PDB file of N, CA and C in Angstrom:
ATOM      1  N   MET A   1       0.704  -1.168  -0.047  1.00  0.00           N
ATOM      2  CA  MET A   1       0.062  -0.031  -0.019  1.00  0.00           C
ATOM      3  C   MET A   1       0.934   1.308   0.053  1.00  0.00           C
ATOM      4  N   ILE A   2       0.417   2.268  -0.660  1.00  0.00           N
ATOM      5  CA  ILE A   2       1.039   3.525  -0.682  1.00  0.00           C
ATOM      6  C   ILE A   2       0.529   4.489   0.425  1.00  0.00           C
ATOM      7  N   ARG A   3       1.419   4.863   1.316  1.00  0.00           N
ATOM      8  CA  ARG A   3       0.921   5.809   2.340  1.00  0.00           C
ATOM      9  C   ARG A   3       1.392   7.258   2.161  1.00  0.00           C
ATOM     10  N   LEU A   4       0.638   8.179   2.170  1.00  0.00           N
ATOM     11  CA  LEU A   4       0.986   9.598   2.062  1.00  0.00           C
ATOM     12  C   LEU A   4       1.284  10.235   3.347  1.00  0.00           C
ATOM     13  N   ARG A   5       2.380  10.868   3.298  1.00  0.00           N
ATOM     14  CA  ARG A   5       2.972  11.394   4.564  1.00  0.00           C
ATOM     15  C   ARG A   5       2.681  12.906   4.764  1.00  0.00           C
ATOM     16  N   LEU A   6       1.440  13.085   4.452  1.00  0.00           N
ATOM     17  CA  LEU A   6       1.033  14.628   4.580  1.00  0.00           C
ATOM     18  C   LEU A   6       1.036  15.216   6.025  1.00  0.00           C
ATOM     19  N   THR A   7       0.818  14.389   7.019  1.00  0.00           N
ATOM     20  CA  THR A   7       0.829  14.870   8.385  1.00  0.00           C
ATOM     21  C   THR A   7       2.143  15.097   8.705  1.00  0.00           C
ATOM     22  N   GLU A   8       3.187  14.192   8.408  1.00  0.00           N
ATOM     23  CA  GLU A   8       4.606  14.447   8.694  1.00  0.00           C
ATOM     24  C   GLU A   8       5.098  15.675   8.089  1.00  0.00           C
ATOM     25  N   LEU A   9       4.818  15.855   6.714  1.00  0.00           N
ATOM     26  CA  LEU A   9       5.322  16.989   5.992  1.00  0.00           C
ATOM     27  C   LEU A   9       4.795  18.260   6.596  1.00  0.00           C
ATOM     28  N   LEU A  10       3.476  18.310   6.994  1.00  0.00           N
ATOM     29  CA  LEU A  10       2.869  19.502   7.637  1.00  0.00           C
ATOM     30  C   LEU A  10       3.583  19.806   8.888  1.00  0.00           C
ATOM     31  N   ALA A  11       3.864  18.838   9.662  1.00  0.00           N
ATOM     32  CA  ALA A  11       4.550  19.058  10.976  1.00  0.00           C
ATOM     33  C   ALA A  11       6.000  19.626  10.720  1.00  0.00           C
ATOM     34  N   ASP A  12       6.553  19.067   9.785  1.00  0.00           N
ATOM     35  CA  ASP A  12       8.011  19.381   9.484  1.00  0.00           C
ATOM     36  C   ASP A  12       7.967  20.941   8.811  1.00  0.00           C
ATOM     37  N   LEU A  13       7.173  21.199   8.059  1.00  0.00           N
ATOM     38  CA  LEU A  13       7.002  22.582   7.579  1.00  0.00           C
ATOM     39  C   LEU A  13       6.648  23.628   8.664  1.00  0.00           C
ATOM     40  N   SER A  14       5.704  23.253   9.509  1.00  0.00           N
ATOM     41  CA  SER A  14       5.356  24.152  10.670  1.00  0.00           C
ATOM     42  C   SER A  14       6.545  24.303  11.587  1.00  0.00           C
ATOM     43  N   PHE A  15       7.356  23.356  11.837  1.00  0.00           N
ATOM     44  CA  PHE A  15       8.544  23.382  12.671  1.00  0.00           C
ATOM     45  C   PHE A  15       9.476  24.267  12.011  1.00  0.00           C
ATOM     46  N   ARG A  16       9.880  24.202  10.707  1.00  0.00           N
ATOM     47  CA  ARG A  16      10.791  25.074  10.083  1.00  0.00           C
ATOM     48  C   ARG A  16      10.486  26.426   9.985  1.00  0.00           C
ATOM     49  N   GLN A  17       8.988  26.723   9.847  1.00  0.00           N
ATOM     50  CA  GLN A  17       8.660  28.070   9.690  1.00  0.00           C
ATOM     51  C   GLN A  17       8.299  28.754  11.081  1.00  0.00           C
ATOM     52  N   GLY A  18       8.350  27.874  12.152  1.00  0.00           N
ATOM     53  CA  GLY A  18       8.184  28.419  13.516  1.00  0.00           C
ATOM     54  C   GLY A  18       6.800  28.779  13.793  1.00  0.00           C
ATOM     55  N   ARG A  19       5.770  28.249  13.149  1.00  0.00           N
ATOM     56  CA  ARG A  19       4.405  28.596  13.188  1.00  0.00           C
ATOM     57  C   ARG A  19       3.469  27.422  12.997  1.00  0.00           C
ATOM     58  N   ARG A  20       2.331  27.390  13.426  1.00  0.00           N
ATOM     59  CA  ARG A  20       1.372  26.334  13.169  1.00  0.00           C
ATOM     60  C   ARG A  20       0.782  26.538  11.814  1.00  0.00           C
ATOM     61  N   ILE A  21       0.870  25.575  10.954  1.00  0.00           N
ATOM     62  CA  ILE A  21       0.171  25.685   9.659  1.00  0.00           C
ATOM     63  C   ILE A  21      -0.953  24.670   9.675  1.00  0.00           C
ATOM     64  N   GLU A  22      -2.087  25.163   9.183  1.00  0.00           N
ATOM     65  CA  GLU A  22      -3.265  24.329   9.370  1.00  0.00           C
ATOM     66  C   GLU A  22      -3.699  23.804   8.004  1.00  0.00           C
ATOM     67  N   TRP A  23      -4.561  22.726   7.978  1.00  0.00           N
ATOM     68  CA  TRP A  23      -4.974  22.196   6.739  1.00  0.00           C
ATOM     69  C   TRP A  23      -5.777  23.222   5.829  1.00  0.00           C
ATOM     70  N   ARG A  24      -6.410  24.047   6.472  1.00  0.00           N
ATOM     71  CA  ARG A  24      -7.166  25.135   5.596  1.00  0.00           C
ATOM     72  C   ARG A  24      -6.145  25.968   4.813  1.00  0.00           C
ATOM     73  N   GLU A  25      -4.985  26.285   5.385  1.00  0.00           N
ATOM     74  CA  GLU A  25      -3.950  27.100   4.663  1.00  0.00           C
ATOM     75  C   GLU A  25      -3.459  26.220   3.473  1.00  0.00           C
ATOM     76  N   VAL A  26      -3.175  24.917   3.732  1.00  0.00           N
ATOM     77  CA  VAL A  26      -2.830  23.971   2.561  1.00  0.00           C
ATOM     78  C   VAL A  26      -3.914  24.023   1.466  1.00  0.00           C
ATOM     79  N   ALA A  27      -5.142  23.808   2.012  1.00  0.00           N
ATOM     80  CA  ALA A  27      -6.248  23.902   1.060  1.00  0.00           C
ATOM     81  C   ALA A  27      -6.244  25.214   0.240  1.00  0.00           C
ATOM     82  N   ALA A  28      -6.274  26.297   0.885  1.00  0.00           N
ATOM     83  CA  ALA A  28      -6.270  27.654   0.243  1.00  0.00           C
ATOM     84  C   ALA A  28      -5.088  27.754  -0.772  1.00  0.00           C
ATOM     85  N   GLU A  29      -3.900  27.346  -0.404  1.00  0.00           N
ATOM     86  CA  GLU A  29      -2.721  27.567  -1.324  1.00  0.00           C
ATOM     87  C   GLU A  29      -2.691  26.510  -2.393  1.00  0.00           C
ATOM     88  N   THR A  30      -3.280  25.364  -2.276  1.00  0.00           N
ATOM     89  CA  THR A  30      -3.198  24.307  -3.362  1.00  0.00           C
ATOM     90  C   THR A  30      -4.444  24.285  -4.118  1.00  0.00           C
ATOM     91  N   GLY A  31      -5.542  24.626  -3.685  1.00  0.00           N
ATOM     92  CA  GLY A  31      -6.926  24.512  -4.303  1.00  0.00           C
ATOM     93  C   GLY A  31      -7.487  23.241  -4.026  1.00  0.00           C
ATOM     94  N   ILE A  32      -6.911  22.334  -3.206  1.00  0.00           N
ATOM     95  CA  ILE A  32      -7.395  20.862  -2.829  1.00  0.00           C
ATOM     96  C   ILE A  32      -8.274  21.090  -1.638  1.00  0.00           C
ATOM     97  N   HIS A  33      -9.556  20.577  -1.599  1.00  0.00           N
ATOM     98  CA  HIS A  33     -10.532  20.805  -0.735  1.00  0.00           C
ATOM     99  C   HIS A  33     -10.052  20.141   0.616  1.00  0.00           C
ATOM    100  N   ARG A  34     -10.305  20.822   1.737  1.00  0.00           N
ATOM    101  CA  ARG A  34      -9.894  20.227   3.072  1.00  0.00           C
ATOM    102  C   ARG A  34     -10.302  18.738   3.246  1.00  0.00           C
ATOM    103  N   THR A  35     -11.521  18.447   2.840  1.00  0.00           N
ATOM    104  CA  THR A  35     -11.963  17.065   3.056  1.00  0.00           C
ATOM    105  C   THR A  35     -11.076  16.115   2.210  1.00  0.00           C
ATOM    106  N   THR A  36     -10.622  16.528   1.047  1.00  0.00           N
ATOM    107  CA  THR A  36      -9.878  15.658   0.200  1.00  0.00           C
ATOM    108  C   THR A  36      -8.456  15.451   0.923  1.00  0.00           C
ATOM    109  N   LEU A  37      -8.054  16.553   1.453  1.00  0.00           N
ATOM    110  CA  LEU A  37      -6.644  16.546   2.213  1.00  0.00           C
ATOM    111  C   LEU A  37      -6.673  15.587   3.463  1.00  0.00           C
ATOM    112  N   SER A  38      -7.874  15.627   4.193  1.00  0.00           N
ATOM    113  CA  SER A  38      -8.141  14.813   5.256  1.00  0.00           C
ATOM    114  C   SER A  38      -8.186  13.300   4.882  1.00  0.00           C
ATOM    115  N   LYS A  39      -8.880  12.966   3.815  1.00  0.00           N
ATOM    116  CA  LYS A  39      -8.968  11.676   3.209  1.00  0.00           C
ATOM    117  C   LYS A  39      -7.432  11.139   2.955  1.00  0.00           C
ATOM    118  N   MET A  40      -6.775  12.028   2.113  1.00  0.00           N
ATOM    119  CA  MET A  40      -5.450  11.697   1.774  1.00  0.00           C
ATOM    120  C   MET A  40      -4.648  11.318   2.882  1.00  0.00           C
ATOM    121  N   ALA A  41      -4.681  12.110   3.965  1.00  0.00           N
ATOM    122  CA  ALA A  41      -3.883  12.013   5.191  1.00  0.00           C
ATOM    123  C   ALA A  41      -4.201  10.826   6.070  1.00  0.00           C
ATOM    124  N   ASN A  42      -5.599  10.397   6.171  1.00  0.00           N
ATOM    125  CA  ASN A  42      -5.966   9.526   7.092  1.00  0.00           C
ATOM    126  C   ASN A  42      -6.620   8.238   6.633  1.00  0.00           C
ATOM    127  N   ALA A  43      -6.986   8.108   5.258  1.00  0.00           N
ATOM    128  CA  ALA A  43      -7.791   7.005   4.868  1.00  0.00           C
ATOM    129  C   ALA A  43      -6.705   5.985   4.164  1.00  0.00           C
ATOM    130  N   ARG A  44      -6.747   4.841   4.623  1.00  0.00           N
ATOM    131  CA  ARG A  44      -5.908   3.854   4.025  1.00  0.00           C
ATOM    132  C   ARG A  44      -6.360   3.624   2.542  1.00  0.00           C
ATOM    133  N   GLY A  45      -5.410   3.457   1.664  1.00  0.00           N
ATOM    134  CA  GLY A  45      -5.794   3.092   0.334  1.00  0.00           C
ATOM    135  C   GLY A  45      -6.452   4.281  -0.471  1.00  0.00           C
ATOM    136  N   TYR A  46      -6.410   5.491   0.077  1.00  0.00           N
ATOM    137  CA  TYR A  46      -7.037   6.586  -0.659  1.00  0.00           C
ATOM    138  C   TYR A  46      -6.414   6.691  -2.118  1.00  0.00           C
ATOM    139  N   ASN A  47      -7.017   6.955  -3.110  1.00  0.00           N
ATOM    140  CA  ASN A  47      -6.597   6.969  -4.537  1.00  0.00           C
ATOM    141  C   ASN A  47      -6.329   8.431  -4.862  1.00  0.00           C
ATOM    142  N   ALA A  48      -5.140   8.999  -4.486  1.00  0.00           N
ATOM    143  CA  ALA A  48      -4.901  10.379  -4.855  1.00  0.00           C
ATOM    144  C   ALA A  48      -4.615  10.597  -6.380  1.00  0.00           C
ATOM    145  N   THR A  49      -5.044  11.697  -6.878  1.00  0.00           N
ATOM    146  CA  THR A  49      -4.659  11.949  -8.358  1.00  0.00           C
ATOM    147  C   THR A  49      -3.293  12.566  -8.493  1.00  0.00           C
ATOM    148  N   ILE A  50      -2.869  12.366  -9.614  1.00  0.00           N
ATOM    149  CA  ILE A  50      -1.443  12.946  -9.994  1.00  0.00           C
ATOM    150  C   ILE A  50      -1.465  14.439  -9.766  1.00  0.00           C
ATOM    151  N   SER A  51      -2.550  15.074 -10.288  1.00  0.00           N
ATOM    152  CA  SER A  51      -2.603  16.598 -10.201  1.00  0.00           C
ATOM    153  C   SER A  51      -2.588  16.942  -8.667  1.00  0.00           C
ATOM    154  N   ASN A  52      -3.211  16.264  -7.812  1.00  0.00           N
ATOM    155  CA  ASN A  52      -3.161  16.636  -6.422  1.00  0.00           C
ATOM    156  C   ASN A  52      -1.670  16.416  -5.769  1.00  0.00           C
ATOM    157  N   LEU A  53      -1.123  15.363  -6.161  1.00  0.00           N
ATOM    158  CA  LEU A  53       0.222  15.037  -5.805  1.00  0.00           C
ATOM    159  C   LEU A  53       1.207  16.184  -6.243  1.00  0.00           C
ATOM    160  N   ASP A  54       0.852  16.537  -7.506  1.00  0.00           N
ATOM    161  CA  ASP A  54       1.754  17.745  -8.087  1.00  0.00           C
ATOM    162  C   ASP A  54       1.694  18.953  -7.302  1.00  0.00           C
ATOM    163  N   LEU A  55       0.287  19.309  -6.827  1.00  0.00           N
ATOM    164  CA  LEU A  55       0.079  20.407  -6.133  1.00  0.00           C
ATOM    165  C   LEU A  55       0.684  20.421  -4.810  1.00  0.00           C
ATOM    166  N   LEU A  56       0.655  19.208  -4.156  1.00  0.00           N
ATOM    167  CA  LEU A  56       1.259  19.148  -2.805  1.00  0.00           C
ATOM    168  C   LEU A  56       2.617  19.183  -2.840  1.00  0.00           C
ATOM    169  N   CYS A  57       3.315  18.560  -3.895  1.00  0.00           N
ATOM    170  CA  CYS A  57       4.788  18.619  -3.900  1.00  0.00           C
ATOM    171  C   CYS A  57       5.246  20.166  -4.119  1.00  0.00           C
ATOM    172  N   ARG A  58       4.554  20.925  -4.952  1.00  0.00           N
ATOM    173  CA  ARG A  58       4.709  22.361  -4.986  1.00  0.00           C
ATOM    174  C   ARG A  58       4.603  23.093  -3.740  1.00  0.00           C
ATOM    175  N   PHE A  59       3.614  22.759  -2.975  1.00  0.00           N
ATOM    176  CA  PHE A  59       3.322  23.473  -1.647  1.00  0.00           C
ATOM    177  C   PHE A  59       4.436  23.105  -0.589  1.00  0.00           C
ATOM    178  N   PHE A  60       4.743  21.641  -0.612  1.00  0.00           N
ATOM    179  CA  PHE A  60       5.820  21.366   0.458  1.00  0.00           C
ATOM    180  C   PHE A  60       7.222  21.464  -0.089  1.00  0.00           C
ATOM    181  N   LYS A  61       7.277  21.804  -1.418  1.00  0.00           N
ATOM    182  CA  LYS A  61       8.553  21.873  -2.133  1.00  0.00           C
ATOM    183  C   LYS A  61       9.462  20.699  -1.934  1.00  0.00           C
ATOM    184  N   CYS A  62       8.773  19.565  -2.299  1.00  0.00           N
ATOM    185  CA  CYS A  62       9.390  18.243  -2.140  1.00  0.00           C
ATOM    186  C   CYS A  62       9.197  17.396  -3.484  1.00  0.00           C
ATOM    187  N   GLN A  63       9.829  16.223  -3.509  1.00  0.00           N
ATOM    188  CA  GLN A  63       9.603  15.187  -4.511  1.00  0.00           C
ATOM    189  C   GLN A  63       8.533  14.348  -4.177  1.00  0.00           C
ATOM    190  N   VAL A  64       7.905  13.610  -4.932  1.00  0.00           N
ATOM    191  CA  VAL A  64       6.938  12.619  -4.963  1.00  0.00           C
ATOM    192  C   VAL A  64       7.290  11.569  -3.822  1.00  0.00           C
ATOM    193  N   GLY A  65       8.606  11.068  -3.878  1.00  0.00           N
ATOM    194  CA  GLY A  65       9.085  10.026  -2.986  1.00  0.00           C
ATOM    195  C   GLY A  65       9.142  10.690  -1.554  1.00  0.00           C
ATOM    196  N   ASP A  66       9.140  11.975  -1.367  1.00  0.00           N
ATOM    197  CA  ASP A  66       9.164  12.528   0.034  1.00  0.00           C
ATOM    198  C   ASP A  66       7.662  12.469   0.546  1.00  0.00           C
ATOM    199  N   LEU A  67       6.727  12.525  -0.443  1.00  0.00           N
ATOM    200  CA  LEU A  67       5.243  12.657  -0.113  1.00  0.00           C
ATOM    201  C   LEU A  67       4.640  11.218   0.086  1.00  0.00           C
ATOM    202  N   ALA A  68       5.166  10.268  -0.635  1.00  0.00           N
ATOM    203  CA  ALA A  68       4.527   8.839  -0.525  1.00  0.00           C
ATOM    204  C   ALA A  68       5.618   7.813  -0.267  1.00  0.00           C
ATOM    205  N   VAL A  69       5.170   6.870   0.550  1.00  0.00           N
ATOM    206  CA  VAL A  69       6.034   5.792   0.752  1.00  0.00           C
ATOM    207  C   VAL A  69       5.334   4.413   0.686  1.00  0.00           C
ATOM    208  N   TYR A  70       5.966   3.478   0.322  1.00  0.00           N
ATOM    209  CA  TYR A  70       5.315   2.060   0.117  1.00  0.00           C
ATOM    210  C   TYR A  70       5.480   1.383   1.404  1.00  0.00           C
ATOM    211  N   VAL A  71       4.387   0.847   2.045  1.00  0.00           N
ATOM    212  CA  VAL A  71       4.242  -0.042   3.138  1.00  0.00           C
ATOM    213  C   VAL A  71       3.778  -1.412   2.802  1.00  0.00           C
ATOM    214  N   PRO A  72       4.546  -2.422   2.860  1.00  0.00           N
ATOM    215  CA  PRO A  72       4.061  -3.780   2.593  1.00  0.00           C
ATOM    216  C   PRO A  72       2.865  -4.144   3.438  1.00  0.00           C
ATOM    217  N   ASP A  73       1.857  -4.931   2.741  1.00  0.00           N
ATOM    218  CA  ASP A  73       0.721  -5.236   3.406  1.00  0.00           C
ATOM    219  C   ASP A  73       0.962  -6.021   4.836  1.00  0.00           C
ATOM    220  N   GLU A  74       1.959  -6.898   4.826  1.00  0.00           N
ATOM    221  CA  GLU A  74       2.133  -7.561   5.925  1.00  0.00           C
ATOM    222  C   GLU A  74       2.708  -6.726   7.158  1.00  0.00           C
ATOM    223  N   GLU A  75       3.121  -5.448   7.009  1.00  0.00           N
ATOM    224  CA  GLU A  75       3.513  -4.682   7.955  1.00  0.00           C
ATOM    225  C   GLU A  75       2.431  -3.854   8.540  1.00  0.00           C
ATOM    226  N   LEU A  76       1.286  -3.927   7.921  1.00  0.00           N
ATOM    227  CA  LEU A  76       0.047  -3.153   8.457  1.00  0.00           C
ATOM    228  C   LEU A  76      -0.519  -3.870   9.639  1.00  0.00           C
ATOM    229  N   GLU A  77      -1.077  -3.131  10.570  1.00  0.00           N
ATOM    230  CA  GLU A  77      -1.596  -3.728  11.684  1.00  0.00           C
ATOM    231  C   GLU A  77      -2.771  -4.565  11.510  1.00  0.00           C
ATOM    232  N   ALA A  78      -3.813  -3.980  10.768  1.00  0.00           N
ATOM    233  CA  ALA A  78      -5.002  -4.644  10.345  1.00  0.00           C
ATOM    234  C   ALA A  78      -5.210  -4.436   8.843  1.00  0.00           C
ATOM    235  N   PRO A  79      -4.643  -5.392   7.976  1.00  0.00           N
ATOM    236  CA  PRO A  79      -4.791  -5.126   6.572  1.00  0.00           C
ATOM    237  C   PRO A  79      -6.071  -5.331   6.030  1.00  0.00           C
ATOM    238  N   GLY A  80      -7.199  -5.668   6.872  1.00  0.00           N
ATOM    239  CA  GLY A  80      -8.518  -6.038   6.382  1.00  0.00           C
ATOM    240  C   GLY A  80      -9.056  -5.306   5.175  1.00  0.00           C
ATOM    241  N   ALA A  81     -10.276  -5.305   4.975  1.00  0.00           N
ATOM    242  CA  ALA A  81     -10.964  -4.565   3.798  1.00  0.00           C
ATOM    243  C   ALA A  81     -10.667  -2.915   4.086  1.00  0.00           C
ATOM    244  N   MET A  82     -10.281  -2.488   2.960  1.00  0.00           N
ATOM    245  CA  MET A  82      -9.894  -1.013   2.973  1.00  0.00           C
ATOM    246  C   MET A  82     -10.646  -0.272   1.738  1.00  0.00           C
ATOM    247  N   SER A  83     -10.993   1.001   1.856  1.00  0.00           N
ATOM    248  CA  SER A  83     -11.510   1.801   0.821  1.00  0.00           C
ATOM    249  C   SER A  83     -11.055   3.124   1.075  1.00  0.00           C
ATOM    250  N   PHE A  84     -11.456   4.061   0.171  1.00  0.00           N
ATOM    251  CA  PHE A  84     -11.210   5.530   0.311  1.00  0.00           C
ATOM    252  C   PHE A  84     -11.680   6.078   1.659  1.00  0.00           C
ATOM    253  N   LYS A  85     -12.738   5.300   2.230  1.00  0.00           N
ATOM    254  CA  LYS A  85     -13.348   5.781   3.302  1.00  0.00           C
ATOM    255  C   LYS A  85     -12.612   5.211   4.586  1.00  0.00           C
ATOM    256  N   GLY A  86     -11.531   4.494   4.342  1.00  0.00           N
ATOM    257  CA  GLY A  86     -10.804   3.910   5.461  1.00  0.00           C
ATOM    258  C   GLY A  86     -11.072   2.492   5.830  1.00  0.00           C
ATOM    259  N   PRO A  87     -10.396   2.034   6.752  1.00  0.00           N
ATOM    260  CA  PRO A  87     -10.563   0.539   7.069  1.00  0.00           C
ATOM    261  C   PRO A  87     -11.923   0.398   7.734  1.00  0.00           C
ATOM    262  N   THR A  88     -12.458  -0.834   7.344  1.00  0.00           N
ATOM    263  CA  THR A  88     -13.809  -1.152   7.885  1.00  0.00           C
ATOM    264  C   THR A  88     -13.514  -1.791   9.343  1.00  0.00           C
ATOM    265  N   PRO A  89     -14.431  -1.544  10.275  1.00  0.00           N
ATOM    266  CA  PRO A  89     -14.091  -2.108  11.736  1.00  0.00           C
ATOM    267  C   PRO A  89     -14.213  -3.677  11.597  1.00  0.00           C
ATOM    268  N   ALA A  90     -13.327  -4.236  12.579  1.00  0.00           N
ATOM    269  CA  ALA A  90     -13.372  -5.681  12.692  1.00  0.00           C
ATOM    270  C   ALA A  90     -14.753  -6.081  13.278  1.00  0.00           C
ATOM    271  N   ALA A  91     -15.016  -7.449  12.995  1.00  0.00           N
ATOM    272  CA  ALA A  91     -16.339  -7.935  13.453  1.00  0.00           C
ATOM    273  C   ALA A  91     -16.455  -7.794  14.935  1.00  0.00           C
ATOM    274  N   GLY A  92     -17.691  -7.399  15.363  1.00  0.00           N
ATOM    275  CA  GLY A  92     -17.895  -7.288  16.791  1.00  0.00           C
ATOM    276  C   GLY A  92     -17.286  -5.936  17.371  1.00  0.00           C
ATOM    277  N   LYS A  93     -16.775  -5.121  16.617  1.00  0.00           N
ATOM    278  CA  LYS A  93     -16.145  -3.900  17.195  1.00  0.00           C
ATOM    279  C   LYS A  93     -16.914  -2.646  16.756  1.00  0.00           C
ATOM    280  N   GLY A  94     -18.005  -2.915  16.097  1.00  0.00           N
ATOM    281  CA  GLY A  94     -18.701  -1.696  15.527  1.00  0.00           C
ATOM    282  C   GLY A  94     -19.248  -0.773  16.636  1.00  0.00           C
ATOM    283  N   ALA A  95     -19.655   0.435  16.173  1.00  0.00           N
ATOM    284  CA  ALA A  95     -20.228   1.423  17.060  1.00  0.00           C
ATOM    285  C   ALA A  95     -21.450   1.091  17.757  1.00  0.00           C
ATOM    286  N   GLY A  96     -22.299   0.120  17.110  1.00  0.00           N
ATOM    287  CA  GLY A  96     -23.595  -0.165  17.626  1.00  0.00           C
ATOM    288  C   GLY A  96     -23.501  -1.302  18.591  1.00  0.00           C
ATOM    289  N   GLU A  97     -22.236  -1.802  18.937  1.00  0.00           N
ATOM    290  CA  GLU A  97     -22.231  -2.891  19.795  1.00  0.00           C
ATOM    291  C   GLU A  97     -22.599  -2.520  21.274  1.00  0.00           C
ATOM    292  N   THR A  98     -23.427  -3.354  21.981  1.00  0.00           N
ATOM    293  CA  THR A  98     -23.690  -2.959  23.344  1.00  0.00           C
ATOM    294  C   THR A  98     -23.178  -3.929  24.227  1.00  0.00           C
ATOM    295  N   PRO A  99     -22.913  -3.628  25.502  1.00  0.00           N
ATOM    296  CA  PRO A  99     -22.397  -4.561  26.463  1.00  0.00           C
ATOM    297  C   PRO A  99     -23.379  -5.681  26.800  1.00  0.00           C
ATOM    298  N   SER A 100     -22.958  -6.854  27.016  1.00  0.00           N
ATOM    299  CA  SER A 100     -23.784  -7.922  27.405  1.00  0.00           C
ATOM    300  C   SER A 100     -23.834  -8.183  28.921  1.00  0.00           C
ATOM    301  N   ASP A 101     -24.865  -8.809  29.402  1.00  0.00           N
ATOM    302  CA  ASP A 101     -25.037  -9.134  30.818  1.00  0.00           C
ATOM    303  C   ASP A 101     -24.822  -7.907  31.717  1.00  0.00           C
ATOM    304  N   GLY A 102     -25.234  -6.792  31.238  1.00  0.00           N
ATOM    305  CA  GLY A 102     -25.260  -5.557  32.059  1.00  0.00           C
ATOM    306  C   GLY A 102     -23.882  -4.944  32.306  1.00  0.00           C
ATOM    307  N   GLU A 103     -22.742  -5.559  31.596  1.00  0.00           N
ATOM    308  CA  GLU A 103     -21.511  -4.902  31.837  1.00  0.00           C
ATOM    309  C   GLU A 103     -21.515  -3.473  31.245  1.00  0.00           C
ATOM    310  N   GLY A 104     -20.911  -2.536  32.043  1.00  0.00           N
ATOM    311  CA  GLY A 104     -20.607  -1.277  31.542  1.00  0.00           C
ATOM    312  C   GLY A 104     -21.880  -0.307  31.860  1.00  0.00           C
ATOM    313  N   LYS A 105     -22.999  -0.796  32.327  1.00  0.00           N
ATOM    314  CA  LYS A 105     -24.041   0.038  32.559  1.00  0.00           C
ATOM    315  C   LYS A 105     -23.890   0.886  33.804  1.00  0.00           C
ATOM    316  N   ARG A 106     -24.169   2.040  33.829  1.00  0.00           N
ATOM    317  CA  ARG A 106     -23.987   2.908  35.087  1.00  0.00           C
ATOM    318  C   ARG A 106     -25.074   2.612  36.046  1.00  0.00           C
ATOM    319  N   GLY A 107     -24.722   2.630  37.207  1.00  0.00           N
ATOM    320  CA  GLY A 107     -25.691   2.520  38.326  1.00  0.00           C
ATOM    321  C   GLY A 107     -26.188   0.946  38.602  1.00  0.00           C
ATOM    322  N   GLU A 108     -25.629   0.023  37.793  1.00  0.00           N
ATOM    323  CA  GLU A 108     -25.885  -1.357  38.040  1.00  0.00           C
ATOM    324  C   GLU A 108     -24.679  -2.133  38.335  1.00  0.00           C
ATOM    325  N   HIS A 109     -24.643  -2.709  39.635  1.00  0.00           N
ATOM    326  CA  HIS A 109     -23.516  -3.470  40.014  1.00  0.00           C
ATOM    327  C   HIS A 109     -23.868  -4.801  40.325  1.00  0.00           C
TER     328      HIS A 109
END
């Protein structure tokens, strides 16, 4: 899988410039929507366009190899099903899961 190092590059640039740089500044200067930047930075397997990679390389003044790294699937913690929306939760770990036998309920011991 290709992993985009946007968060690391943003932190490095912020450090070098001695100020906090936010995603909205990156969005304003590159023309890439903040939602797209967030997906590129956080979603496993996000399919970034070459034009967006070009804009980010210009913004960070870097090469594509500085922006993206290859991570073998066997090095991923949970290689399961992935999409541009991010990894799917493991079975039984969904948000709708409720404790069984009264575990975790307040006021009941």
